[in-house]
């Protein structure tokens, strides 16, 4: 399957990024050990780019099994990321 839409998040501090990396590893088995990269786990390839000075993060599923629609994949990513941002008082905005 092709790539899903890239998800972007602002207000991601180093503390939040470190928590996200730990949670992604615990829940999805994906080890993120750099600020940008790509990893495949169980047929899903996730790419990420974290810019510490701008405090922004982009995540994208660039490949996945045929049975997993992008809507479900991106929903799962948002379900992991957004609670951590809200916990730290980061205001969520809608992209148009």
PDB file of N, CA and C in Angstrom:
ATOM      1  N   UNK A   1       0.854  -1.174   0.000  1.00  0.00           N
ATOM      2  CA  UNK A   1       0.000   0.000   0.000  1.00  0.00           C
ATOM      3  C   UNK A   1       0.897   1.233   0.000  1.00  0.00           C
ATOM      4  N   UNK A   2       0.389   2.346  -0.453  1.00  0.00           N
ATOM      5  CA  UNK A   2       1.149   3.583  -0.528  1.00  0.00           C
ATOM      6  C   UNK A   2       1.241   4.303   0.798  1.00  0.00           C
ATOM      7  N   UNK A   3       1.840   5.467   0.739  1.00  0.00           N
ATOM      8  CA  UNK A   3       2.042   6.280   1.933  1.00  0.00           C
ATOM      9  C   UNK A   3       0.744   6.956   2.368  1.00  0.00           C
ATOM     10  N   UNK A   4       0.608   7.125   3.662  1.00  0.00           N
ATOM     11  CA  UNK A   4      -0.512   7.863   4.239  1.00  0.00           C
ATOM     12  C   UNK A   4      -0.131   9.336   4.323  1.00  0.00           C
ATOM     13  N   UNK A   5      -1.116  10.177   4.604  1.00  0.00           N
ATOM     14  CA  UNK A   5      -0.858  11.605   4.786  1.00  0.00           C
ATOM     15  C   UNK A   5       0.089  11.815   5.957  1.00  0.00           C
ATOM     16  N   UNK A   6       0.985  12.764   5.804  1.00  0.00           N
ATOM     17  CA  UNK A   6       1.923  13.103   6.866  1.00  0.00           C
ATOM     18  C   UNK A   6       1.186  13.872   7.953  1.00  0.00           C
ATOM     19  N   UNK A   7       1.465  13.528   9.195  1.00  0.00           N
ATOM     20  CA  UNK A   7       0.878  14.215  10.338  1.00  0.00           C
ATOM     21  C   UNK A   7       1.937  15.119  10.959  1.00  0.00           C
ATOM     22  N   UNK A   8       1.571  16.348  11.251  1.00  0.00           N
ATOM     23  CA  UNK A   8       2.510  17.315  11.831  1.00  0.00           C
ATOM     24  C   UNK A   8       1.975  17.819  13.161  1.00  0.00           C
ATOM     25  N   UNK A   9       2.883  17.979  14.106  1.00  0.00           N
ATOM     26  CA  UNK A   9       2.531  18.433  15.448  1.00  0.00           C
ATOM     27  C   UNK A   9       3.492  19.542  15.854  1.00  0.00           C
ATOM     28  N   UNK A  10       2.957  20.625  16.424  1.00  0.00           N
ATOM     29  CA  UNK A  10       3.758  21.738  16.911  1.00  0.00           C
ATOM     30  C   UNK A  10       3.757  21.743  18.429  1.00  0.00           C
ATOM     31  N   UNK A  11       4.736  22.407  19.016  1.00  0.00           N
ATOM     32  CA  UNK A  11       4.822  22.503  20.469  1.00  0.00           C
ATOM     33  C   UNK A  11       5.387  21.261  21.119  1.00  0.00           C
ATOM     34  N   UNK A  12       6.124  20.456  20.360  1.00  0.00           N
ATOM     35  CA  UNK A  12       6.685  19.210  20.880  1.00  0.00           C
ATOM     36  C   UNK A  12       8.061  19.511  21.495  1.00  0.00           C
ATOM     37  N   UNK A  13       8.096  19.573  22.805  1.00  0.00           N
ATOM     38  CA  UNK A  13       9.357  19.806  23.511  1.00  0.00           C
ATOM     39  C   UNK A  13      10.182  18.521  23.533  1.00  0.00           C
ATOM     40  N   UNK A  14      11.428  18.635  23.942  1.00  0.00           N
ATOM     41  CA  UNK A  14      12.284  17.448  24.059  1.00  0.00           C
ATOM     42  C   UNK A  14      11.686  16.456  25.049  1.00  0.00           C
ATOM     43  N   UNK A  15      11.116  16.960  26.144  1.00  0.00           N
ATOM     44  CA  UNK A  15      10.487  16.091  27.143  1.00  0.00           C
ATOM     45  C   UNK A  15       9.326  15.291  26.524  1.00  0.00           C
ATOM     46  N   UNK A  16       8.480  15.968  25.766  1.00  0.00           N
ATOM     47  CA  UNK A  16       7.357  15.294  25.113  1.00  0.00           C
ATOM     48  C   UNK A  16       7.871  14.285  24.095  1.00  0.00           C
ATOM     49  N   UNK A  17       8.868  14.653  23.298  1.00  0.00           N
ATOM     50  CA  UNK A  17       9.447  13.764  22.290  1.00  0.00           C
ATOM     51  C   UNK A  17       9.997  12.505  22.949  1.00  0.00           C
ATOM     52  N   UNK A  18      10.699  12.645  24.071  1.00  0.00           N
ATOM     53  CA  UNK A  18      11.243  11.477  24.768  1.00  0.00           C
ATOM     54  C   UNK A  18      10.122  10.555  25.254  1.00  0.00           C
ATOM     55  N   UNK A  19       9.031  11.128  25.754  1.00  0.00           N
ATOM     56  CA  UNK A  19       7.890  10.316  26.200  1.00  0.00           C
ATOM     57  C   UNK A  19       7.224   9.613  25.019  1.00  0.00           C
ATOM     58  N   UNK A  20       7.114  10.327  23.899  1.00  0.00           N
ATOM     59  CA  UNK A  20       6.522   9.720  22.705  1.00  0.00           C
ATOM     60  C   UNK A  20       7.335   8.526  22.234  1.00  0.00           C
ATOM     61  N   UNK A  21       8.645   8.668  22.205  1.00  0.00           N
ATOM     62  CA  UNK A  21       9.511   7.571  21.749  1.00  0.00           C
ATOM     63  C   UNK A  21       9.320   6.340  22.631  1.00  0.00           C
ATOM     64  N   UNK A  22       9.238   6.551  23.936  1.00  0.00           N
ATOM     65  CA  UNK A  22       9.048   5.431  24.861  1.00  0.00           C
ATOM     66  C   UNK A  22       7.682   4.784  24.656  1.00  0.00           C
ATOM     67  N   UNK A  23       6.654   5.603  24.459  1.00  0.00           N
ATOM     68  CA  UNK A  23       5.303   5.066  24.290  1.00  0.00           C
ATOM     69  C   UNK A  23       5.169   4.314  22.969  1.00  0.00           C
ATOM     70  N   UNK A  24       5.739   4.851  21.902  1.00  0.00           N
ATOM     71  CA  UNK A  24       5.701   4.173  20.597  1.00  0.00           C
ATOM     72  C   UNK A  24       6.402   2.818  20.692  1.00  0.00           C
ATOM     73  N   UNK A  25       7.515   2.776  21.396  1.00  0.00           N
ATOM     74  CA  UNK A  25       8.220   1.499  21.553  1.00  0.00           C
ATOM     75  C   UNK A  25       7.385   0.510  22.371  1.00  0.00           C
ATOM     76  N   UNK A  26       6.807   0.986  23.461  1.00  0.00           N
ATOM     77  CA  UNK A  26       6.022   0.104  24.333  1.00  0.00           C
ATOM     78  C   UNK A  26       4.769  -0.420  23.634  1.00  0.00           C
ATOM     79  N   UNK A  27       4.088   0.434  22.873  1.00  0.00           N
ATOM     80  CA  UNK A  27       2.814   0.035  22.280  1.00  0.00           C
ATOM     81  C   UNK A  27       2.929  -0.561  20.883  1.00  0.00           C
ATOM     82  N   UNK A  28       3.924  -0.125  20.121  1.00  0.00           N
ATOM     83  CA  UNK A  28       4.014  -0.572  18.727  1.00  0.00           C
ATOM     84  C   UNK A  28       5.279  -1.367  18.412  1.00  0.00           C
ATOM     85  N   UNK A  29       6.213  -1.385  19.335  1.00  0.00           N
ATOM     86  CA  UNK A  29       7.453  -2.119  19.100  1.00  0.00           C
ATOM     87  C   UNK A  29       8.431  -1.410  18.183  1.00  0.00           C
ATOM     88  N   UNK A  30       8.180  -0.138  17.888  1.00  0.00           N
ATOM     89  CA  UNK A  30       9.064   0.628  17.012  1.00  0.00           C
ATOM     90  C   UNK A  30      10.049   1.402  17.877  1.00  0.00           C
ATOM     91  N   UNK A  31      11.325   1.198  17.615  1.00  0.00           N
ATOM     92  CA  UNK A  31      12.365   1.887  18.358  1.00  0.00           C
ATOM     93  C   UNK A  31      12.784   3.138  17.600  1.00  0.00           C
ATOM     94  N   UNK A  32      12.611   4.275  18.227  1.00  0.00           N
ATOM     95  CA  UNK A  32      13.033   5.554  17.652  1.00  0.00           C
ATOM     96  C   UNK A  32      14.240   6.007  18.450  1.00  0.00           C
ATOM     97  N   UNK A  33      15.408   5.992  17.801  1.00  0.00           N
ATOM     98  CA  UNK A  33      16.622   6.364  18.516  1.00  0.00           C
ATOM     99  C   UNK A  33      17.352   7.543  17.869  1.00  0.00           C
ATOM    100  N   UNK A  34      16.614   8.306  17.060  1.00  0.00           N
ATOM    101  CA  UNK A  34      17.178   9.507  16.448  1.00  0.00           C
ATOM    102  C   UNK A  34      16.038  10.496  16.203  1.00  0.00           C
ATOM    103  N   UNK A  35      16.406  11.717  15.858  1.00  0.00           N
ATOM    104  CA  UNK A  35      15.374  12.725  15.622  1.00  0.00           C
ATOM    105  C   UNK A  35      14.748  12.616  14.238  1.00  0.00           C
ATOM    106  N   UNK A  36      15.350  11.894  13.343  1.00  0.00           N
ATOM    107  CA  UNK A  36      14.713  11.612  12.055  1.00  0.00           C
ATOM    108  C   UNK A  36      15.136  10.236  11.589  1.00  0.00           C
ATOM    109  N   UNK A  37      14.224   9.576  10.910  1.00  0.00           N
ATOM    110  CA  UNK A  37      14.517   8.228  10.451  1.00  0.00           C
ATOM    111  C   UNK A  37      13.279   7.517   9.970  1.00  0.00           C
ATOM    112  N   UNK A  38      13.463   6.206   9.817  1.00  0.00           N
ATOM    113  CA  UNK A  38      12.383   5.362   9.310  1.00  0.00           C
ATOM    114  C   UNK A  38      12.622   3.959   9.844  1.00  0.00           C
ATOM    115  N   UNK A  39      11.538   3.275  10.198  1.00  0.00           N
ATOM    116  CA  UNK A  39      11.660   1.901  10.678  1.00  0.00           C
ATOM    117  C   UNK A  39      10.428   1.105  10.273  1.00  0.00           C
ATOM    118  N   UNK A  40      10.658  -0.176   9.997  1.00  0.00           N
ATOM    119  CA  UNK A  40       9.579  -1.093   9.647  1.00  0.00           C
ATOM    120  C   UNK A  40       9.387  -2.097  10.777  1.00  0.00           C
ATOM    121  N   UNK A  41       8.138  -2.300  11.146  1.00  0.00           N
ATOM    122  CA  UNK A  41       7.778  -3.277  12.171  1.00  0.00           C
ATOM    123  C   UNK A  41       6.440  -3.890  11.791  1.00  0.00           C
ATOM    124  N   UNK A  42       6.414  -5.212  11.677  1.00  0.00           N
ATOM    125  CA  UNK A  42       5.185  -5.953  11.372  1.00  0.00           C
ATOM    126  C   UNK A  42       4.488  -5.446  10.100  1.00  0.00           C
ATOM    127  N   UNK A  43       5.268  -5.087   9.095  1.00  0.00           N
ATOM    128  CA  UNK A  43       4.725  -4.666   7.813  1.00  0.00           C
ATOM    129  C   UNK A  43       4.386  -3.190   7.702  1.00  0.00           C
ATOM    130  N   UNK A  44       4.567  -2.439   8.777  1.00  0.00           N
ATOM    131  CA  UNK A  44       4.295  -1.006   8.787  1.00  0.00           C
ATOM    132  C   UNK A  44       5.622  -0.254   8.814  1.00  0.00           C
ATOM    133  N   UNK A  45       5.800   0.680   7.890  1.00  0.00           N
ATOM    134  CA  UNK A  45       7.007   1.498   7.869  1.00  0.00           C
ATOM    135  C   UNK A  45       6.623   2.917   8.255  1.00  0.00           C
ATOM    136  N   UNK A  46       7.217   3.387   9.343  1.00  0.00           N
ATOM    137  CA  UNK A  46       6.932   4.707   9.874  1.00  0.00           C
ATOM    138  C   UNK A  46       8.179   5.577   9.711  1.00  0.00           C
ATOM    139  N   UNK A  47       7.968   6.789   9.185  1.00  0.00           N
ATOM    140  CA  UNK A  47       9.046   7.775   9.065  1.00  0.00           C
ATOM    141  C   UNK A  47       8.729   8.935  10.005  1.00  0.00           C
ATOM    142  N   UNK A  48       9.783   9.530  10.577  1.00  0.00           N
ATOM    143  CA  UNK A  48       9.586  10.638  11.491  1.00  0.00           C
ATOM    144  C   UNK A  48      10.674  11.680  11.297  1.00  0.00           C
ATOM    145  N   UNK A  49      10.354  12.907  11.690  1.00  0.00           N
ATOM    146  CA  UNK A  49      11.321  13.999  11.681  1.00  0.00           C
ATOM    147  C   UNK A  49      10.953  14.947  12.820  1.00  0.00           C
ATOM    148  N   UNK A  50      11.862  15.063  13.786  1.00  0.00           N
ATOM    149  CA  UNK A  50      11.660  15.959  14.922  1.00  0.00           C
ATOM    150  C   UNK A  50      12.663  17.093  14.830  1.00  0.00           C
ATOM    151  N   UNK A  51      12.176  18.323  14.882  1.00  0.00           N
ATOM    152  CA  UNK A  51      13.023  19.511  14.871  1.00  0.00           C
ATOM    153  C   UNK A  51      12.922  20.146  16.250  1.00  0.00           C
ATOM    154  N   UNK A  52      13.968  19.958  17.054  1.00  0.00           N
ATOM    155  CA  UNK A  52      13.934  20.421  18.438  1.00  0.00           C
ATOM    156  C   UNK A  52      13.835  21.942  18.535  1.00  0.00           C
ATOM    157  N   UNK A  53      14.585  22.665  17.717  1.00  0.00           N
ATOM    158  CA  UNK A  53      14.570  24.128  17.824  1.00  0.00           C
ATOM    159  C   UNK A  53      13.216  24.716  17.424  1.00  0.00           C
ATOM    160  N   UNK A  54      12.547  24.127  16.449  1.00  0.00           N
ATOM    161  CA  UNK A  54      11.217  24.594  16.030  1.00  0.00           C
ATOM    162  C   UNK A  54      10.107  23.927  16.830  1.00  0.00           C
ATOM    163  N   UNK A  55      10.449  22.910  17.607  1.00  0.00           N
ATOM    164  CA  UNK A  55       9.503  22.125  18.396  1.00  0.00           C
ATOM    165  C   UNK A  55       8.380  21.558  17.537  1.00  0.00           C
ATOM    166  N   UNK A  56       8.744  20.997  16.384  1.00  0.00           N
ATOM    167  CA  UNK A  56       7.716  20.339  15.574  1.00  0.00           C
ATOM    168  C   UNK A  56       8.140  18.931  15.217  1.00  0.00           C
ATOM    169  N   UNK A  57       7.134  18.117  15.000  1.00  0.00           N
ATOM    170  CA  UNK A  57       7.318  16.704  14.720  1.00  0.00           C
ATOM    171  C   UNK A  57       6.415  16.321  13.565  1.00  0.00           C
ATOM    172  N   UNK A  58       6.971  15.582  12.623  1.00  0.00           N
ATOM    173  CA  UNK A  58       6.135  15.016  11.567  1.00  0.00           C
ATOM    174  C   UNK A  58       6.283  13.503  11.610  1.00  0.00           C
ATOM    175  N   UNK A  59       5.166  12.831  11.442  1.00  0.00           N
ATOM    176  CA  UNK A  59       5.108  11.370  11.431  1.00  0.00           C
ATOM    177  C   UNK A  59       4.333  10.947  10.192  1.00  0.00           C
ATOM    178  N   UNK A  60       4.793   9.876   9.562  1.00  0.00           N
ATOM    179  CA  UNK A  60       4.090   9.392   8.380  1.00  0.00           C
ATOM    180  C   UNK A  60       4.293   7.890   8.245  1.00  0.00           C
ATOM    181  N   UNK A  61       3.201   7.203   8.002  1.00  0.00           N
ATOM    182  CA  UNK A  61       3.280   5.793   7.634  1.00  0.00           C
ATOM    183  C   UNK A  61       3.527   5.783   6.128  1.00  0.00           C
ATOM    184  N   UNK A  62       4.705   5.335   5.730  1.00  0.00           N
ATOM    185  CA  UNK A  62       5.066   5.375   4.314  1.00  0.00           C
ATOM    186  C   UNK A  62       4.803   4.056   3.596  1.00  0.00           C
ATOM    187  N   UNK A  63       4.510   3.012   4.350  1.00  0.00           N
ATOM    188  CA  UNK A  63       4.136   1.737   3.753  1.00  0.00           C
ATOM    189  C   UNK A  63       3.414   0.903   4.810  1.00  0.00           C
ATOM    190  N   UNK A  64       2.413   0.142   4.365  1.00  0.00           N
ATOM    191  CA  UNK A  64       1.636  -0.671   5.293  1.00  0.00           C
ATOM    192  C   UNK A  64       1.015  -1.837   4.536  1.00  0.00           C
ATOM    193  N   UNK A  65       0.568  -2.849   5.269  1.00  0.00           N
ATOM    194  CA  UNK A  65      -0.122  -3.970   4.628  1.00  0.00           C
ATOM    195  C   UNK A  65      -1.416  -3.496   3.964  1.00  0.00           C
ATOM    196  N   UNK A  66      -1.867  -4.243   3.001  1.00  0.00           N
ATOM    197  CA  UNK A  66      -3.051  -3.878   2.212  1.00  0.00           C
ATOM    198  C   UNK A  66      -4.310  -3.751   3.059  1.00  0.00           C
ATOM    199  N   UNK A  67      -4.384  -4.487   4.136  1.00  0.00           N
ATOM    200  CA  UNK A  67      -5.603  -4.533   4.942  1.00  0.00           C
ATOM    201  C   UNK A  67      -5.736  -3.366   5.932  1.00  0.00           C
ATOM    202  N   UNK A  68      -4.725  -2.502   6.025  1.00  0.00           N
ATOM    203  CA  UNK A  68      -4.760  -1.410   7.002  1.00  0.00           C
ATOM    204  C   UNK A  68      -4.946  -0.071   6.294  1.00  0.00           C
ATOM    205  N   UNK A  69      -6.151   0.494   6.347  1.00  0.00           N
ATOM    206  CA  UNK A  69      -6.386   1.783   5.688  1.00  0.00           C
ATOM    207  C   UNK A  69      -5.682   2.927   6.432  1.00  0.00           C
ATOM    208  N   UNK A  70      -5.304   3.942   5.681  1.00  0.00           N
ATOM    209  CA  UNK A  70      -4.616   5.094   6.259  1.00  0.00           C
ATOM    210  C   UNK A  70      -5.449   5.769   7.342  1.00  0.00           C
ATOM    211  N   UNK A  71      -6.752   5.774   7.203  1.00  0.00           N
ATOM    212  CA  UNK A  71      -7.593   6.416   8.220  1.00  0.00           C
ATOM    213  C   UNK A  71      -7.390   5.754   9.588  1.00  0.00           C
ATOM    214  N   UNK A  72      -7.260   4.443   9.615  1.00  0.00           N
ATOM    215  CA  UNK A  72      -7.047   3.720  10.869  1.00  0.00           C
ATOM    216  C   UNK A  72      -5.627   3.962  11.386  1.00  0.00           C
ATOM    217  N   UNK A  73      -4.661   3.935  10.488  1.00  0.00           N
ATOM    218  CA  UNK A  73      -3.259   4.141  10.873  1.00  0.00           C
ATOM    219  C   UNK A  73      -3.073   5.532  11.470  1.00  0.00           C
ATOM    220  N   UNK A  74      -3.541   6.570  10.772  1.00  0.00           N
ATOM    221  CA  UNK A  74      -3.362   7.930  11.268  1.00  0.00           C
ATOM    222  C   UNK A  74      -4.166   8.180  12.538  1.00  0.00           C
ATOM    223  N   UNK A  75      -5.300   7.539  12.677  1.00  0.00           N
ATOM    224  CA  UNK A  75      -6.076   7.649  13.904  1.00  0.00           C
ATOM    225  C   UNK A  75      -5.285   7.070  15.083  1.00  0.00           C
ATOM    226  N   UNK A  76      -4.630   5.945  14.863  1.00  0.00           N
ATOM    227  CA  UNK A  76      -3.812   5.317  15.918  1.00  0.00           C
ATOM    228  C   UNK A  76      -2.643   6.221  16.302  1.00  0.00           C
ATOM    229  N   UNK A  77      -2.004   6.821  15.300  1.00  0.00           N
ATOM    230  CA  UNK A  77      -0.897   7.735  15.586  1.00  0.00           C
ATOM    231  C   UNK A  77      -1.395   8.915  16.411  1.00  0.00           C
ATOM    232  N   UNK A  78      -2.507   9.514  15.994  1.00  0.00           N
ATOM    233  CA  UNK A  78      -3.074  10.636  16.756  1.00  0.00           C
ATOM    234  C   UNK A  78      -3.449  10.227  18.171  1.00  0.00           C
ATOM    235  N   UNK A  79      -3.989   9.023  18.334  1.00  0.00           N
ATOM    236  CA  UNK A  79      -4.369   8.537  19.666  1.00  0.00           C
ATOM    237  C   UNK A  79      -3.150   8.396  20.584  1.00  0.00           C
ATOM    238  N   UNK A  80      -1.985   8.151  20.015  1.00  0.00           N
ATOM    239  CA  UNK A  80      -0.763   8.057  20.811  1.00  0.00           C
ATOM    240  C   UNK A  80      -0.192   9.437  21.142  1.00  0.00           C
ATOM    241  N   UNK A  81      -0.207  10.334  20.162  1.00  0.00           N
ATOM    242  CA  UNK A  81       0.485  11.617  20.283  1.00  0.00           C
ATOM    243  C   UNK A  81      -0.337  12.678  21.017  1.00  0.00           C
ATOM    244  N   UNK A  82      -1.577  12.861  20.621  1.00  0.00           N
ATOM    245  CA  UNK A  82      -2.361  13.986  21.125  1.00  0.00           C
ATOM    246  C   UNK A  82      -2.536  14.016  22.647  1.00  0.00           C
ATOM    247  N   UNK A  83      -2.768  12.902  23.322  1.00  0.00           N
ATOM    248  CA  UNK A  83      -2.895  12.979  24.788  1.00  0.00           C
ATOM    249  C   UNK A  83      -1.643  13.519  25.478  1.00  0.00           C
ATOM    250  N   UNK A  84      -0.476  13.181  24.953  1.00  0.00           N
ATOM    251  CA  UNK A  84       0.764  13.687  25.555  1.00  0.00           C
ATOM    252  C   UNK A  84       0.908  15.183  25.344  1.00  0.00           C
ATOM    253  N   UNK A  85       0.491  15.668  24.191  1.00  0.00           N
ATOM    254  CA  UNK A  85       0.550  17.108  23.925  1.00  0.00           C
ATOM    255  C   UNK A  85      -0.437  17.857  24.814  1.00  0.00           C
ATOM    256  N   UNK A  86      -1.653  17.341  24.917  1.00  0.00           N
ATOM    257  CA  UNK A  86      -2.672  17.996  25.743  1.00  0.00           C
ATOM    258  C   UNK A  86      -2.276  18.000  27.212  1.00  0.00           C
ATOM    259  N   UNK A  87      -1.622  16.916  27.657  1.00  0.00           N
ATOM    260  CA  UNK A  87      -1.168  16.808  29.037  1.00  0.00           C
ATOM    261  C   UNK A  87      -0.201  17.938  29.385  1.00  0.00           C
ATOM    262  N   UNK A  88       0.585  18.353  28.418  1.00  0.00           N
ATOM    263  CA  UNK A  88       1.571  19.417  28.643  1.00  0.00           C
ATOM    264  C   UNK A  88       1.023  20.797  28.266  1.00  0.00           C
ATOM    265  N   UNK A  89      -0.273  20.873  27.965  1.00  0.00           N
ATOM    266  CA  UNK A  89      -0.894  22.148  27.688  1.00  0.00           C
ATOM    267  C   UNK A  89      -0.703  22.664  26.283  1.00  0.00           C
ATOM    268  N   UNK A  90      -0.289  21.782  25.364  1.00  0.00           N
ATOM    269  CA  UNK A  90      -0.125  22.194  23.974  1.00  0.00           C
ATOM    270  C   UNK A  90      -1.507  22.264  23.335  1.00  0.00           C
ATOM    271  N   UNK A  91      -1.802  23.402  22.742  1.00  0.00           N
ATOM    272  CA  UNK A  91      -3.112  23.604  22.128  1.00  0.00           C
ATOM    273  C   UNK A  91      -3.153  22.912  20.765  1.00  0.00           C
ATOM    274  N   UNK A  92      -4.163  22.067  20.560  1.00  0.00           N
ATOM    275  CA  UNK A  92      -4.318  21.352  19.311  1.00  0.00           C
ATOM    276  C   UNK A  92      -5.095  22.235  18.329  1.00  0.00           C
ATOM    277  N   UNK A  93      -4.610  22.322  17.106  1.00  0.00           N
ATOM    278  CA  UNK A  93      -5.300  23.105  16.082  1.00  0.00           C
ATOM    279  C   UNK A  93      -5.617  22.206  14.907  1.00  0.00           C
ATOM    280  N   UNK A  94      -6.685  22.525  14.220  1.00  0.00           N
ATOM    281  CA  UNK A  94      -7.089  21.740  13.048  1.00  0.00           C
ATOM    282  C   UNK A  94      -6.392  22.268  11.817  1.00  0.00           C
ATOM    283  N   UNK A  95      -5.979  21.364  10.961  1.00  0.00           N
ATOM    284  CA  UNK A  95      -5.384  21.729   9.681  1.00  0.00           C
ATOM    285  C   UNK A  95      -6.497  21.719   8.642  1.00  0.00           C
ATOM    286  N   UNK A  96      -6.529  22.728   7.808  1.00  0.00           N
ATOM    287  CA  UNK A  96      -7.549  22.790   6.750  1.00  0.00           C
ATOM    288  C   UNK A  96      -6.912  22.485   5.428  1.00  0.00           C
TER     289      UNK A  96
END
